[in-house]
Amino acid sequence: MNINISINPEIYNGALEYAQEHHTNIKDIIESYLGKLRPTKSTTSNQADMKLQELINLTKGLKLDADDINGDKAKQSYLEEKYVR
């Protein structure tokens, strides 16, 4: 699809100069920029992976028993150490 847009000549000239210096064109620069405005599945997936890694890092110091799947024992132990002792 082709569209026409009005743009400030100074901005256009600066973009044209940038494009020439980087061996590309204004169309590709605009498409790249507009593509970054809308997250893709891979971007969303990467964000989920980063959050998962953060959660994994948070649990590295915890001592979990094999039978403590939901972490109730670890939570109880933590609370006892914090408030009882």
Protein backbone atom coordinates (compact mmCIF):
# COMPACT_ATOMS: atom_id res chain seq x y z
CA MET A 1 0.00 0.00 0.00
CA ASN A 2 1.31 3.45 -0.88
CA ILE A 3 0.40 6.51 1.18
CA ASN A 4 1.37 10.16 1.05
CA ILE A 5 2.27 12.11 4.17
CA SER A 6 3.25 15.71 4.81
CA ILE A 7 6.42 16.18 6.82
CA ASN A 8 8.54 19.12 7.91
CA PRO A 9 11.23 19.62 5.22
CA GLU A 10 14.02 19.91 7.82
CA ILE A 11 13.01 16.59 9.36
CA TYR A 12 12.76 14.99 5.93
CA ASN A 13 16.20 16.26 4.90
CA GLY A 14 17.73 15.06 8.16
CA ALA A 15 16.13 11.64 7.70
CA LEU A 16 17.31 11.49 4.10
CA GLU A 17 20.86 12.31 5.17
CA TYR A 18 20.69 9.67 7.91
CA ALA A 19 19.37 7.10 5.44
CA GLN A 20 22.17 7.78 2.98
CA GLU A 21 24.82 7.53 5.70
CA HIS A 22 23.39 4.18 6.82
CA HIS A 23 22.82 2.78 3.31
CA THR A 24 19.06 2.57 3.67
CA ASN A 25 16.04 4.63 2.65
CA ILE A 26 13.36 6.64 4.39
CA LYS A 27 10.68 4.04 3.63
CA ASP A 28 12.63 1.35 5.50
CA ILE A 29 13.33 3.69 8.42
CA ILE A 30 9.64 4.56 8.77
CA GLU A 31 8.54 0.92 8.45
CA SER A 32 11.06 -0.11 11.09
CA TYR A 33 9.92 2.61 13.48
CA LEU A 34 6.22 1.92 12.99
CA GLY A 35 6.84 -1.81 13.40
CA LYS A 36 8.35 -1.16 16.83
CA LEU A 37 5.21 0.63 18.01
CA ARG A 38 3.19 -2.58 17.98
CA PRO A 39 4.61 -5.49 19.97
CA THR A 40 4.93 -8.75 18.11
CA LYS A 41 4.47 -12.25 19.50
CA SER A 42 8.23 -12.65 19.81
CA THR A 43 8.51 -9.37 21.76
CA THR A 44 5.72 -10.47 24.08
CA SER A 45 7.37 -13.86 24.41
CA ASN A 46 10.72 -12.26 25.25
CA GLN A 47 9.07 -10.13 27.93
CA ALA A 48 7.45 -13.24 29.42
CA ASP A 49 10.80 -15.03 29.35
CA MET A 50 12.43 -12.11 31.18
CA LYS A 51 9.72 -12.10 33.86
CA LEU A 52 10.07 -15.85 34.27
CA GLN A 53 13.83 -15.48 34.68
CA GLU A 54 13.26 -12.81 37.33
CA LEU A 55 11.01 -15.22 39.24
CA ILE A 56 13.58 -17.99 38.95
CA ASN A 57 16.26 -15.66 40.28
CA LEU A 58 14.05 -14.76 43.24
CA THR A 59 13.74 -18.42 44.23
CA LYS A 60 17.45 -19.27 44.06
CA GLY A 61 17.98 -18.68 47.78
CA LEU A 62 14.89 -20.56 48.90
CA LYS A 63 15.12 -24.03 50.35
CA LEU A 64 12.20 -26.01 48.93
CA ASP A 65 11.46 -29.60 49.77
CA ALA A 66 10.38 -31.95 47.00
CA ASP A 67 7.01 -32.40 48.72
CA ASP A 68 6.51 -28.62 49.10
CA ILE A 69 5.25 -28.01 45.58
CA ASN A 70 3.32 -24.82 46.30
CA GLY A 71 5.88 -23.44 48.76
CA ASP A 72 3.65 -23.47 51.85
CA LYS A 73 6.35 -25.03 54.04
CA ALA A 74 8.94 -22.54 52.83
CA LYS A 75 6.56 -19.64 53.47
CA GLN A 76 5.77 -20.92 56.97
CA SER A 77 9.45 -21.38 57.73
CA TYR A 78 10.23 -17.87 56.49
CA LEU A 79 7.45 -16.32 58.58
CA GLU A 80 8.52 -18.26 61.68
CA GLU A 81 12.11 -17.07 61.30
CA LYS A 82 10.99 -13.50 60.77
CA TYR A 83 8.36 -13.15 63.50
CA VAL A 84 8.79 -15.93 66.07
CA ARG A 85 12.50 -16.17 66.63
